[in-house]
């Protein structure tokens, strides 16, 4: 039986992606809380022993340390035969949306949420710029999931699990009321939350939270 250990901190949407994927695939994992607030991931020791890229999450699979969320999601989809797409065309779409999410939606939403909620004295001009881009990205997602149940078709894939992660945290953290401002995106998130075994971020990622400033 495979053994998984997940190095994470609770506010990490990328950590949630892996925790959710493992949970939906019926896998358990040992949570390894990381003191992100103290800049533990910046230390030479942590980078030497856990991840030389200095990033969270890190998934240990039978002792092997795996990094970068997108490739790990694809690896797990192949291993468990779930959420990888039903045919070659859909698998290509999964890759397209997964890469887009890493660069656009998750990348900008993670930065916006962190600056808005967990950083003191964020620059209002930077927040305005980020939010303008995020609204554009959300409109793209909304159009896609208004035409089909999930982003690549009738079934959820790792693209959905990746794209939903940072949008699944509480509204007072994200600063978004998706039900009102992006109803198609909200409806898609409701469909994802209906997947058997789904759990919200802080139900899967326990531990001490980051200080909040908003």
N, C-alpha and C. Protein backbone atom coordinates (compact mmCIF):
# COMPACT_ATOMS: atom_id res chain seq x y z
N UNK A 1 0.84 -1.19 0.00
CA UNK A 1 0.00 0.00 0.00
C UNK A 1 0.88 1.24 0.00
N UNK A 2 0.55 2.20 -0.85
CA UNK A 2 1.33 3.43 -0.92
C UNK A 2 1.18 4.24 0.37
N UNK A 3 2.27 4.90 0.73
CA UNK A 3 2.28 5.73 1.93
C UNK A 3 2.59 7.16 1.52
N UNK A 4 1.75 8.09 1.95
CA UNK A 4 1.90 9.48 1.57
C UNK A 4 2.07 10.36 2.81
N UNK A 5 2.98 11.32 2.69
CA UNK A 5 3.16 12.38 3.68
C UNK A 5 3.11 13.70 2.93
N UNK A 6 2.30 14.64 3.41
CA UNK A 6 2.14 15.92 2.73
C UNK A 6 2.68 17.05 3.59
N UNK A 7 3.73 17.71 3.11
CA UNK A 7 4.28 18.89 3.75
C UNK A 7 3.46 20.09 3.26
N UNK A 8 2.90 20.86 4.17
CA UNK A 8 1.92 21.87 3.79
C UNK A 8 1.86 22.95 4.84
N UNK A 9 1.13 24.02 4.56
CA UNK A 9 0.59 24.90 5.59
C UNK A 9 -0.87 25.15 5.22
N UNK A 10 -1.74 25.41 6.19
CA UNK A 10 -3.19 25.35 5.93
C UNK A 10 -3.70 26.31 4.86
N UNK A 11 -3.07 27.47 4.71
CA UNK A 11 -3.57 28.46 3.75
C UNK A 11 -3.12 28.19 2.32
N UNK A 12 -2.31 27.17 2.13
CA UNK A 12 -1.75 26.89 0.80
C UNK A 12 -2.76 26.20 -0.10
N UNK A 13 -3.20 26.92 -1.13
CA UNK A 13 -4.11 26.32 -2.09
C UNK A 13 -3.48 25.18 -2.86
N UNK A 14 -2.18 25.28 -3.13
CA UNK A 14 -1.52 24.18 -3.82
C UNK A 14 -1.47 22.93 -2.96
N UNK A 15 -1.31 23.11 -1.64
CA UNK A 15 -1.39 21.96 -0.74
C UNK A 15 -2.79 21.35 -0.77
N UNK A 16 -3.80 22.21 -0.83
CA UNK A 16 -5.17 21.72 -0.87
C UNK A 16 -5.43 20.89 -2.12
N UNK A 17 -4.85 21.28 -3.24
CA UNK A 17 -5.03 20.52 -4.47
C UNK A 17 -4.62 19.06 -4.27
N UNK A 18 -3.47 18.85 -3.66
CA UNK A 18 -2.97 17.48 -3.46
C UNK A 18 -3.77 16.75 -2.39
N UNK A 19 -4.09 17.45 -1.30
CA UNK A 19 -4.88 16.82 -0.24
C UNK A 19 -6.24 16.38 -0.77
N UNK A 20 -6.87 17.24 -1.59
CA UNK A 20 -8.18 16.92 -2.14
C UNK A 20 -8.08 15.76 -3.12
N UNK A 21 -7.07 15.78 -3.98
CA UNK A 21 -6.91 14.70 -4.96
C UNK A 21 -6.72 13.36 -4.25
N UNK A 22 -5.85 13.32 -3.26
CA UNK A 22 -5.63 12.08 -2.52
C UNK A 22 -6.91 11.60 -1.85
N UNK A 23 -7.63 12.54 -1.24
CA UNK A 23 -8.86 12.18 -0.52
C UNK A 23 -9.92 11.65 -1.48
N UNK A 24 -10.10 12.31 -2.61
CA UNK A 24 -11.10 11.86 -3.59
C UNK A 24 -10.73 10.52 -4.19
N UNK A 25 -9.44 10.19 -4.18
CA UNK A 25 -8.98 8.89 -4.69
C UNK A 25 -8.94 7.83 -3.60
N UNK A 26 -9.46 8.17 -2.43
CA UNK A 26 -9.56 7.20 -1.35
C UNK A 26 -8.26 6.93 -0.63
N UNK A 27 -7.31 7.86 -0.73
CA UNK A 27 -6.01 7.68 -0.11
C UNK A 27 -5.89 8.53 1.16
N UNK A 28 -5.23 8.01 2.15
CA UNK A 28 -4.92 8.76 3.35
C UNK A 28 -3.50 9.31 3.24
N UNK A 29 -3.22 10.35 4.00
CA UNK A 29 -1.88 10.90 4.01
C UNK A 29 -1.57 11.42 5.41
N UNK A 30 -0.29 11.42 5.72
CA UNK A 30 0.16 11.98 6.99
C UNK A 30 0.42 13.47 6.79
N UNK A 31 -0.29 14.35 7.50
CA UNK A 31 -0.06 15.78 7.35
C UNK A 31 1.20 16.22 8.09
N UNK A 32 2.05 16.96 7.40
CA UNK A 32 3.29 17.47 8.00
C UNK A 32 3.21 19.00 7.94
N UNK A 33 2.74 19.61 9.04
CA UNK A 33 2.57 21.06 9.07
C UNK A 33 3.92 21.74 8.97
N UNK A 34 3.99 22.80 8.17
CA UNK A 34 5.22 23.55 7.97
C UNK A 34 5.02 24.98 8.45
N UNK A 35 5.96 25.48 9.21
CA UNK A 35 5.87 26.83 9.78
C UNK A 35 6.26 27.86 8.72
N UNK A 36 5.34 28.09 7.79
CA UNK A 36 5.60 29.00 6.68
C UNK A 36 5.81 30.43 7.17
N UNK A 37 5.10 30.83 8.22
CA UNK A 37 5.18 32.20 8.72
C UNK A 37 6.58 32.55 9.21
N UNK A 38 7.31 31.57 9.71
CA UNK A 38 8.66 31.82 10.21
C UNK A 38 9.71 31.72 9.10
N UNK A 39 9.22 31.56 7.85
CA UNK A 39 10.11 31.44 6.69
C UNK A 39 10.97 30.18 6.75
N UNK A 40 10.37 29.12 7.31
CA UNK A 40 11.09 27.86 7.39
C UNK A 40 11.56 27.38 6.02
N UNK A 41 10.71 27.60 5.00
CA UNK A 41 11.05 27.10 3.66
C UNK A 41 12.21 27.87 3.04
N UNK A 42 12.63 28.96 3.67
CA UNK A 42 13.78 29.73 3.19
C UNK A 42 15.10 29.22 3.76
N UNK A 43 15.03 28.39 4.77
CA UNK A 43 16.26 27.97 5.44
C UNK A 43 17.04 26.97 4.61
N UNK A 44 18.35 27.03 4.74
CA UNK A 44 19.20 26.10 3.99
C UNK A 44 18.92 24.65 4.37
N UNK A 45 18.64 24.41 5.66
CA UNK A 45 18.38 23.05 6.11
C UNK A 45 17.11 22.49 5.48
N UNK A 46 16.04 23.30 5.47
CA UNK A 46 14.78 22.82 4.90
C UNK A 46 14.95 22.55 3.41
N UNK A 47 15.65 23.43 2.72
CA UNK A 47 15.84 23.24 1.28
C UNK A 47 16.75 22.04 0.99
N UNK A 48 17.67 21.78 1.89
CA UNK A 48 18.55 20.62 1.70
C UNK A 48 17.82 19.31 1.95
N UNK A 49 16.93 19.30 2.94
CA UNK A 49 16.32 18.04 3.35
C UNK A 49 14.92 17.82 2.80
N UNK A 50 14.22 18.90 2.35
CA UNK A 50 12.83 18.74 1.91
C UNK A 50 12.65 19.13 0.45
N UNK A 51 12.94 20.38 0.10
CA UNK A 51 12.71 20.82 -1.29
C UNK A 51 13.69 21.94 -1.64
N UNK A 52 14.64 21.66 -2.51
CA UNK A 52 15.62 22.69 -2.88
C UNK A 52 14.99 23.90 -3.57
N UNK A 53 13.76 23.76 -4.09
CA UNK A 53 13.07 24.90 -4.70
C UNK A 53 12.48 25.84 -3.66
N UNK A 54 12.45 25.41 -2.40
CA UNK A 54 11.95 26.26 -1.33
C UNK A 54 10.46 26.47 -1.37
N UNK A 55 9.71 25.49 -1.86
CA UNK A 55 8.27 25.66 -2.04
C UNK A 55 7.47 24.59 -1.32
N UNK A 56 6.29 24.97 -0.94
CA UNK A 56 5.24 24.09 -0.42
C UNK A 56 4.16 24.01 -1.49
N UNK A 57 3.59 22.82 -1.70
CA UNK A 57 3.70 21.58 -0.95
C UNK A 57 4.82 20.67 -1.45
N UNK A 58 5.10 19.70 -0.61
CA UNK A 58 5.95 18.57 -0.99
C UNK A 58 5.19 17.31 -0.61
N UNK A 59 5.05 16.40 -1.56
CA UNK A 59 4.37 15.13 -1.29
C UNK A 59 5.40 14.02 -1.28
N UNK A 60 5.49 13.33 -0.15
CA UNK A 60 6.33 12.15 -0.07
C UNK A 60 5.49 10.93 -0.44
N UNK A 61 5.95 10.21 -1.43
CA UNK A 61 5.28 8.99 -1.89
C UNK A 61 6.23 7.83 -1.65
N UNK A 62 5.93 7.04 -0.64
CA UNK A 62 6.78 5.91 -0.28
C UNK A 62 8.22 6.36 -0.08
N UNK A 63 8.38 7.54 0.53
CA UNK A 63 9.71 8.04 0.85
C UNK A 63 10.32 8.96 -0.19
N UNK A 64 9.82 8.93 -1.43
CA UNK A 64 10.33 9.80 -2.48
C UNK A 64 9.64 11.15 -2.40
N UNK A 65 10.41 12.23 -2.42
CA UNK A 65 9.84 13.57 -2.31
C UNK A 65 9.50 14.11 -3.69
N UNK A 66 8.22 14.47 -3.88
CA UNK A 66 7.72 14.98 -5.14
C UNK A 66 7.35 16.45 -4.96
N UNK A 67 7.70 17.27 -5.96
CA UNK A 67 7.38 18.69 -5.89
C UNK A 67 6.75 19.15 -7.20
N UNK A 68 6.15 20.34 -7.14
CA UNK A 68 5.39 20.96 -8.23
C UNK A 68 4.03 20.29 -8.39
N UNK A 69 3.00 21.02 -8.06
CA UNK A 69 1.67 20.46 -7.92
C UNK A 69 1.10 19.88 -9.20
N UNK A 70 1.27 20.57 -10.33
CA UNK A 70 0.71 20.08 -11.59
C UNK A 70 1.19 18.69 -11.95
N UNK A 71 2.52 18.47 -12.02
CA UNK A 71 3.00 17.12 -12.33
C UNK A 71 2.56 16.07 -11.32
N UNK A 72 2.47 16.46 -10.04
CA UNK A 72 2.03 15.49 -9.03
C UNK A 72 0.57 15.09 -9.27
N UNK A 73 -0.28 16.07 -9.58
CA UNK A 73 -1.67 15.73 -9.87
C UNK A 73 -1.78 14.77 -11.04
N UNK A 74 -1.01 15.01 -12.08
CA UNK A 74 -1.04 14.12 -13.24
C UNK A 74 -0.52 12.73 -12.87
N UNK A 75 0.50 12.67 -12.05
CA UNK A 75 1.04 11.39 -11.60
C UNK A 75 -0.02 10.61 -10.82
N UNK A 76 -0.70 11.29 -9.91
CA UNK A 76 -1.73 10.62 -9.11
C UNK A 76 -2.91 10.18 -9.98
N UNK A 77 -3.28 11.01 -10.96
CA UNK A 77 -4.37 10.63 -11.86
C UNK A 77 -4.03 9.36 -12.62
N UNK A 78 -2.80 9.25 -13.07
CA UNK A 78 -2.39 8.04 -13.79
C UNK A 78 -2.33 6.85 -12.86
N UNK A 79 -1.82 7.06 -11.66
CA UNK A 79 -1.67 5.96 -10.71
C UNK A 79 -3.01 5.37 -10.31
N UNK A 80 -3.99 6.24 -10.05
CA UNK A 80 -5.27 5.77 -9.53
C UNK A 80 -6.35 5.67 -10.60
N UNK A 81 -6.03 6.07 -11.82
CA UNK A 81 -6.99 5.95 -12.92
C UNK A 81 -8.21 6.82 -12.73
N UNK A 82 -8.01 8.00 -12.13
CA UNK A 82 -9.14 8.89 -11.87
C UNK A 82 -8.74 10.33 -12.18
N UNK A 83 -9.70 11.09 -12.68
CA UNK A 83 -9.55 12.53 -12.88
C UNK A 83 -8.49 12.91 -13.92
N UNK A 84 -8.17 11.97 -14.80
CA UNK A 84 -7.15 12.25 -15.80
C UNK A 84 -7.68 12.56 -17.18
N UNK A 85 -8.99 12.45 -17.36
CA UNK A 85 -9.58 12.62 -18.69
C UNK A 85 -9.96 11.28 -19.29
N UNK A 86 -11.01 11.27 -20.09
CA UNK A 86 -11.58 10.02 -20.58
C UNK A 86 -10.98 9.54 -21.89
N UNK A 87 -10.35 10.43 -22.66
CA UNK A 87 -9.73 10.04 -23.92
C UNK A 87 -8.60 11.01 -24.24
N UNK A 88 -7.94 10.80 -25.38
CA UNK A 88 -6.78 11.63 -25.72
C UNK A 88 -7.16 13.10 -25.85
N UNK A 89 -8.31 13.37 -26.45
CA UNK A 89 -8.73 14.76 -26.63
C UNK A 89 -8.94 15.44 -25.28
N UNK A 90 -9.60 14.75 -24.37
CA UNK A 90 -9.84 15.37 -23.07
C UNK A 90 -8.54 15.47 -22.27
N UNK A 91 -7.66 14.49 -22.38
CA UNK A 91 -6.38 14.59 -21.68
C UNK A 91 -5.57 15.79 -22.16
N UNK A 92 -5.66 16.09 -23.44
CA UNK A 92 -5.00 17.28 -23.97
C UNK A 92 -5.62 18.54 -23.37
N UNK A 93 -6.94 18.55 -23.24
CA UNK A 93 -7.62 19.69 -22.62
C UNK A 93 -7.25 19.83 -21.15
N UNK A 94 -7.09 18.71 -20.46
CA UNK A 94 -6.66 18.75 -19.06
C UNK A 94 -5.32 19.46 -18.95
N UNK A 95 -4.39 19.10 -19.81
CA UNK A 95 -3.07 19.75 -19.78
C UNK A 95 -3.18 21.23 -20.09
N UNK A 96 -4.01 21.58 -21.07
CA UNK A 96 -4.16 22.97 -21.47
C UNK A 96 -4.66 23.83 -20.30
N UNK A 97 -5.71 23.35 -19.63
CA UNK A 97 -6.27 24.11 -18.52
C UNK A 97 -5.36 24.06 -17.29
N UNK A 98 -4.70 22.95 -17.08
CA UNK A 98 -3.81 22.84 -15.92
C UNK A 98 -2.66 23.82 -16.03
N UNK A 99 -2.06 23.91 -17.22
CA UNK A 99 -0.95 24.85 -17.40
C UNK A 99 -1.45 26.29 -17.32
N UNK A 100 -2.62 26.54 -17.88
CA UNK A 100 -3.22 27.88 -17.81
C UNK A 100 -3.47 28.28 -16.36
N UNK A 101 -4.01 27.34 -15.59
CA UNK A 101 -4.30 27.65 -14.20
C UNK A 101 -3.04 27.99 -13.43
N UNK A 102 -1.98 27.22 -13.62
CA UNK A 102 -0.75 27.48 -12.88
C UNK A 102 -0.19 28.86 -13.17
N UNK A 103 -0.28 29.29 -14.41
CA UNK A 103 0.25 30.59 -14.79
C UNK A 103 -0.71 31.72 -14.47
N UNK A 104 -2.00 31.49 -14.64
CA UNK A 104 -2.97 32.57 -14.57
C UNK A 104 -3.80 32.52 -13.28
N UNK A 105 -4.83 31.68 -13.23
CA UNK A 105 -5.80 31.76 -12.15
C UNK A 105 -5.18 31.51 -10.78
N UNK A 106 -4.55 30.37 -10.59
CA UNK A 106 -3.95 30.08 -9.29
C UNK A 106 -2.82 31.05 -8.98
N UNK A 107 -2.01 31.34 -9.98
CA UNK A 107 -0.87 32.23 -9.75
C UNK A 107 -1.29 33.60 -9.26
N UNK A 108 -2.27 34.20 -9.90
CA UNK A 108 -2.72 35.53 -9.52
C UNK A 108 -3.58 35.49 -8.26
N UNK A 109 -4.45 34.49 -8.14
CA UNK A 109 -5.34 34.43 -6.97
C UNK A 109 -4.55 34.18 -5.70
N UNK A 110 -3.53 33.34 -5.77
CA UNK A 110 -2.70 33.08 -4.59
C UNK A 110 -2.01 34.36 -4.13
N UNK A 111 -1.49 35.11 -5.08
CA UNK A 111 -0.79 36.35 -4.74
C UNK A 111 -1.75 37.40 -4.18
N UNK A 112 -2.89 37.55 -4.83
CA UNK A 112 -3.89 38.54 -4.38
C UNK A 112 -4.38 38.22 -2.97
N UNK A 113 -4.76 36.96 -2.75
CA UNK A 113 -5.30 36.57 -1.44
C UNK A 113 -4.24 36.75 -0.35
N UNK A 114 -3.00 36.36 -0.63
CA UNK A 114 -1.95 36.48 0.38
C UNK A 114 -1.71 37.95 0.72
N UNK A 115 -1.59 38.79 -0.31
CA UNK A 115 -1.33 40.21 -0.06
C UNK A 115 -2.50 40.87 0.66
N UNK A 116 -3.71 40.55 0.23
CA UNK A 116 -4.90 41.19 0.79
C UNK A 116 -5.12 40.81 2.25
N UNK A 117 -4.93 39.55 2.59
CA UNK A 117 -5.37 39.01 3.87
C UNK A 117 -4.23 38.72 4.84
N UNK A 118 -3.09 38.30 4.33
CA UNK A 118 -2.03 37.81 5.21
C UNK A 118 -0.78 38.68 5.23
N UNK A 119 -0.80 39.79 4.50
CA UNK A 119 0.35 40.69 4.49
C UNK A 119 -0.07 42.05 5.04
N UNK A 120 0.77 42.66 5.89
CA UNK A 120 0.44 44.00 6.38
C UNK A 120 0.71 45.05 5.31
N UNK A 121 -0.16 46.03 5.25
CA UNK A 121 0.03 47.19 4.39
C UNK A 121 0.27 46.86 2.91
N UNK A 122 -0.63 46.08 2.30
CA UNK A 122 -0.46 45.81 0.86
C UNK A 122 -0.66 47.07 0.04
N UNK A 123 -0.03 47.12 -1.11
CA UNK A 123 -0.14 48.27 -2.01
C UNK A 123 -1.50 48.22 -2.71
N UNK A 124 -2.37 49.21 -2.50
CA UNK A 124 -3.70 49.18 -3.14
C UNK A 124 -3.62 49.11 -4.66
N UNK A 125 -2.64 49.75 -5.26
CA UNK A 125 -2.52 49.71 -6.72
C UNK A 125 -2.21 48.30 -7.21
N UNK A 126 -1.38 47.60 -6.46
CA UNK A 126 -1.06 46.22 -6.84
C UNK A 126 -2.30 45.34 -6.69
N UNK A 127 -3.05 45.50 -5.60
CA UNK A 127 -4.27 44.72 -5.41
C UNK A 127 -5.28 45.00 -6.52
N UNK A 128 -5.40 46.24 -6.93
CA UNK A 128 -6.32 46.60 -8.01
C UNK A 128 -5.90 45.93 -9.31
N UNK A 129 -4.62 45.96 -9.61
CA UNK A 129 -4.11 45.32 -10.82
C UNK A 129 -4.39 43.82 -10.80
N UNK A 130 -4.08 43.17 -9.67
CA UNK A 130 -4.29 41.72 -9.57
C UNK A 130 -5.77 41.37 -9.70
N UNK A 131 -6.61 42.13 -9.04
CA UNK A 131 -8.05 41.82 -9.08
C UNK A 131 -8.61 41.98 -10.48
N UNK A 132 -8.15 42.97 -11.22
CA UNK A 132 -8.60 43.15 -12.60
C UNK A 132 -8.26 41.92 -13.44
N UNK A 133 -7.07 41.39 -13.26
CA UNK A 133 -6.68 40.20 -14.00
C UNK A 133 -7.48 38.97 -13.56
N UNK A 134 -7.67 38.84 -12.26
CA UNK A 134 -8.43 37.69 -11.75
C UNK A 134 -9.86 37.71 -12.26
N UNK A 135 -10.49 38.87 -12.29
CA UNK A 135 -11.85 38.96 -12.82
C UNK A 135 -11.91 38.50 -14.28
N UNK A 136 -10.90 38.84 -15.04
CA UNK A 136 -10.84 38.37 -16.42
C UNK A 136 -10.71 36.86 -16.47
N UNK A 137 -9.83 36.31 -15.64
CA UNK A 137 -9.65 34.85 -15.62
C UNK A 137 -10.93 34.15 -15.18
N UNK A 138 -11.61 34.72 -14.18
CA UNK A 138 -12.86 34.11 -13.72
C UNK A 138 -13.94 34.15 -14.79
N UNK A 139 -13.94 35.19 -15.60
CA UNK A 139 -14.91 35.24 -16.70
C UNK A 139 -14.63 34.15 -17.73
N UNK A 140 -13.36 33.84 -17.94
CA UNK A 140 -12.99 32.76 -18.85
C UNK A 140 -13.46 31.41 -18.29
N UNK A 141 -13.20 31.19 -17.01
CA UNK A 141 -13.67 29.95 -16.38
C UNK A 141 -15.19 29.87 -16.42
N UNK A 142 -15.84 30.98 -16.09
CA UNK A 142 -17.30 30.99 -16.06
C UNK A 142 -17.91 30.64 -17.39
N UNK A 143 -17.33 31.16 -18.46
CA UNK A 143 -17.85 30.83 -19.78
C UNK A 143 -17.68 29.34 -20.07
N UNK A 144 -16.54 28.79 -19.68
CA UNK A 144 -16.30 27.37 -19.93
C UNK A 144 -17.26 26.46 -19.18
N UNK A 145 -17.46 26.74 -17.90
CA UNK A 145 -18.29 25.85 -17.09
C UNK A 145 -19.77 26.19 -17.20
N UNK A 146 -20.12 27.25 -17.90
CA UNK A 146 -21.52 27.48 -18.23
C UNK A 146 -21.96 26.59 -19.38
N UNK A 147 -20.99 26.12 -20.18
CA UNK A 147 -21.28 25.30 -21.35
C UNK A 147 -21.21 23.80 -21.07
N UNK A 148 -20.59 23.43 -19.96
CA UNK A 148 -20.43 22.01 -19.61
C UNK A 148 -20.27 21.92 -18.09
N UNK A 149 -20.53 20.76 -17.51
CA UNK A 149 -20.50 20.66 -16.04
C UNK A 149 -19.13 20.97 -15.43
N UNK A 150 -18.07 20.48 -16.09
CA UNK A 150 -16.73 20.70 -15.58
C UNK A 150 -15.88 21.29 -16.71
N UNK A 151 -14.67 21.68 -16.40
CA UNK A 151 -13.94 22.53 -17.33
C UNK A 151 -13.56 21.83 -18.62
N UNK A 152 -13.42 20.51 -18.62
CA UNK A 152 -13.10 19.82 -19.88
C UNK A 152 -14.23 18.94 -20.40
N UNK A 153 -15.33 18.83 -19.66
CA UNK A 153 -16.40 17.96 -20.13
C UNK A 153 -17.38 17.59 -19.04
N UNK A 154 -17.92 16.38 -19.13
CA UNK A 154 -18.97 15.95 -18.21
C UNK A 154 -18.44 15.50 -16.85
N UNK A 155 -17.16 15.16 -16.77
CA UNK A 155 -16.60 14.67 -15.52
C UNK A 155 -15.49 15.57 -15.01
N UNK A 156 -15.31 15.58 -13.71
CA UNK A 156 -14.25 16.37 -13.11
C UNK A 156 -12.89 15.76 -13.42
N UNK A 157 -11.89 16.62 -13.56
CA UNK A 157 -10.52 16.18 -13.79
C UNK A 157 -9.59 16.94 -12.85
N UNK A 158 -8.31 16.61 -12.93
CA UNK A 158 -7.34 17.33 -12.12
C UNK A 158 -7.29 18.81 -12.50
N UNK A 159 -7.72 19.16 -13.70
CA UNK A 159 -7.79 20.58 -14.06
C UNK A 159 -8.80 21.29 -13.16
N UNK A 160 -9.96 20.68 -12.95
CA UNK A 160 -10.95 21.26 -12.04
C UNK A 160 -10.41 21.36 -10.62
N UNK A 161 -9.76 20.29 -10.16
CA UNK A 161 -9.26 20.27 -8.79
C UNK A 161 -8.17 21.31 -8.59
N UNK A 162 -7.40 21.57 -9.62
CA UNK A 162 -6.37 22.61 -9.54
C UNK A 162 -7.00 23.99 -9.55
N UNK A 163 -7.91 24.21 -10.47
CA UNK A 163 -8.48 25.55 -10.66
C UNK A 163 -9.38 25.97 -9.50
N UNK A 164 -10.00 25.01 -8.83
CA UNK A 164 -10.95 25.36 -7.77
C UNK A 164 -10.27 25.69 -6.46
N UNK A 165 -9.02 25.33 -6.30
CA UNK A 165 -8.41 25.31 -4.97
C UNK A 165 -8.42 26.67 -4.28
N UNK A 166 -7.85 27.68 -4.90
CA UNK A 166 -7.77 28.98 -4.25
C UNK A 166 -9.12 29.68 -4.16
N UNK A 167 -10.09 29.20 -4.94
CA UNK A 167 -11.44 29.75 -4.89
C UNK A 167 -12.28 29.10 -3.80
N UNK A 168 -11.76 28.05 -3.17
CA UNK A 168 -12.52 27.28 -2.20
C UNK A 168 -12.32 27.73 -0.77
N UNK A 169 -11.42 28.69 -0.57
CA UNK A 169 -11.22 29.23 0.77
C UNK A 169 -12.33 30.22 1.09
N UNK A 170 -12.51 30.57 2.37
CA UNK A 170 -13.63 31.44 2.76
C UNK A 170 -13.60 32.79 2.04
N UNK A 171 -14.79 33.33 1.82
CA UNK A 171 -14.92 34.61 1.11
C UNK A 171 -14.16 35.74 1.80
N UNK A 172 -14.11 35.71 3.12
CA UNK A 172 -13.44 36.82 3.81
C UNK A 172 -11.93 36.77 3.65
N UNK A 173 -11.42 35.66 3.14
CA UNK A 173 -10.00 35.57 2.80
C UNK A 173 -9.77 35.95 1.34
N UNK A 174 -10.60 35.45 0.46
CA UNK A 174 -10.40 35.70 -0.97
C UNK A 174 -10.84 37.10 -1.37
N UNK A 175 -11.80 37.66 -0.62
CA UNK A 175 -12.35 38.97 -0.99
C UNK A 175 -13.34 38.90 -2.13
N UNK A 176 -13.81 37.67 -2.46
CA UNK A 176 -14.73 37.49 -3.57
C UNK A 176 -16.05 36.89 -3.10
N UNK A 177 -17.14 37.45 -3.59
CA UNK A 177 -18.47 36.87 -3.44
C UNK A 177 -18.83 36.27 -4.79
N UNK A 178 -18.39 35.05 -5.02
CA UNK A 178 -18.55 34.44 -6.34
C UNK A 178 -20.02 34.18 -6.67
N UNK A 179 -20.81 33.90 -5.65
CA UNK A 179 -22.24 33.65 -5.90
C UNK A 179 -22.88 34.84 -6.61
N UNK A 180 -22.46 36.04 -6.24
CA UNK A 180 -23.03 37.26 -6.81
C UNK A 180 -22.28 37.71 -8.06
N UNK A 181 -20.95 37.73 -7.98
CA UNK A 181 -20.15 38.34 -9.04
C UNK A 181 -19.82 37.40 -10.19
N UNK A 182 -19.72 36.09 -9.90
CA UNK A 182 -19.39 35.11 -10.93
C UNK A 182 -20.24 33.85 -10.69
N UNK A 183 -21.55 33.94 -10.95
CA UNK A 183 -22.45 32.84 -10.57
C UNK A 183 -22.14 31.52 -11.26
N UNK A 184 -21.66 31.54 -12.50
CA UNK A 184 -21.34 30.28 -13.18
C UNK A 184 -20.16 29.59 -12.50
N UNK A 185 -19.20 30.38 -12.05
CA UNK A 185 -18.06 29.82 -11.32
C UNK A 185 -18.53 29.25 -9.98
N UNK A 186 -19.41 29.98 -9.30
CA UNK A 186 -19.95 29.49 -8.03
C UNK A 186 -20.68 28.16 -8.23
N UNK A 187 -21.50 28.06 -9.28
CA UNK A 187 -22.24 26.82 -9.55
C UNK A 187 -21.28 25.67 -9.83
N UNK A 188 -20.20 25.95 -10.53
CA UNK A 188 -19.17 24.93 -10.81
C UNK A 188 -18.52 24.46 -9.51
N UNK A 189 -18.22 25.39 -8.61
CA UNK A 189 -17.64 25.01 -7.33
C UNK A 189 -18.60 24.15 -6.52
N UNK A 190 -19.89 24.44 -6.61
CA UNK A 190 -20.89 23.62 -5.92
C UNK A 190 -20.87 22.20 -6.49
N UNK A 191 -20.75 22.08 -7.82
CA UNK A 191 -20.68 20.75 -8.43
C UNK A 191 -19.44 19.99 -7.95
N UNK A 192 -18.32 20.68 -7.85
CA UNK A 192 -17.10 20.03 -7.36
C UNK A 192 -17.29 19.59 -5.91
N UNK A 193 -17.92 20.43 -5.10
CA UNK A 193 -18.13 20.06 -3.70
C UNK A 193 -19.07 18.88 -3.54
N UNK A 194 -19.79 18.54 -4.60
CA UNK A 194 -20.67 17.37 -4.57
C UNK A 194 -19.98 16.07 -4.90
N UNK A 195 -18.68 16.12 -5.25
CA UNK A 195 -17.95 14.88 -5.53
C UNK A 195 -17.85 14.06 -4.26
N UNK A 196 -18.06 12.75 -4.34
CA UNK A 196 -18.01 11.91 -3.14
C UNK A 196 -16.65 12.01 -2.44
N UNK A 197 -16.67 12.35 -1.17
CA UNK A 197 -15.44 12.46 -0.40
C UNK A 197 -14.88 13.86 -0.31
N UNK A 198 -15.48 14.83 -1.04
CA UNK A 198 -14.96 16.20 -1.04
C UNK A 198 -14.95 16.77 0.38
N UNK A 199 -13.90 17.54 0.68
CA UNK A 199 -13.81 18.28 1.94
C UNK A 199 -13.24 19.65 1.66
N UNK A 200 -13.63 20.61 2.49
CA UNK A 200 -13.15 21.98 2.36
C UNK A 200 -11.68 22.08 2.79
N UNK A 201 -10.99 23.14 2.38
CA UNK A 201 -9.55 23.24 2.65
C UNK A 201 -9.16 23.04 4.10
N UNK A 202 -9.78 23.79 5.01
CA UNK A 202 -9.32 23.71 6.39
C UNK A 202 -9.76 22.43 7.10
N UNK A 203 -10.66 21.67 6.48
CA UNK A 203 -11.00 20.34 7.01
C UNK A 203 -9.92 19.33 6.65
N UNK A 204 -9.20 19.58 5.56
CA UNK A 204 -8.13 18.68 5.14
C UNK A 204 -6.76 19.14 5.61
N UNK A 205 -6.64 20.43 5.90
CA UNK A 205 -5.33 21.01 6.22
C UNK A 205 -5.38 21.65 7.61
N UNK A 206 -5.22 20.88 8.66
CA UNK A 206 -5.28 21.44 10.01
C UNK A 206 -3.96 22.13 10.38
N UNK A 207 -3.96 22.74 11.57
CA UNK A 207 -2.71 23.31 12.06
C UNK A 207 -2.80 24.80 12.28
N UNK A 208 -1.75 25.35 12.86
CA UNK A 208 -1.69 26.77 13.17
C UNK A 208 -1.81 27.59 11.90
N UNK A 209 -2.61 28.66 11.99
CA UNK A 209 -2.86 29.52 10.82
C UNK A 209 -1.90 30.70 10.80
N UNK A 210 -1.82 31.30 9.63
CA UNK A 210 -1.03 32.51 9.46
C UNK A 210 -1.73 33.69 10.14
N UNK A 211 -0.98 34.66 10.63
CA UNK A 211 -1.61 35.89 11.14
C UNK A 211 -2.40 36.58 10.01
N UNK A 212 -3.55 37.14 10.38
CA UNK A 212 -4.40 37.83 9.39
C UNK A 212 -4.36 39.33 9.64
N UNK A 213 -4.43 40.08 8.52
CA UNK A 213 -4.43 41.53 8.61
C UNK A 213 -5.67 42.14 7.97
N UNK A 214 -6.59 41.29 7.47
CA UNK A 214 -7.82 41.78 6.87
C UNK A 214 -8.97 40.91 7.31
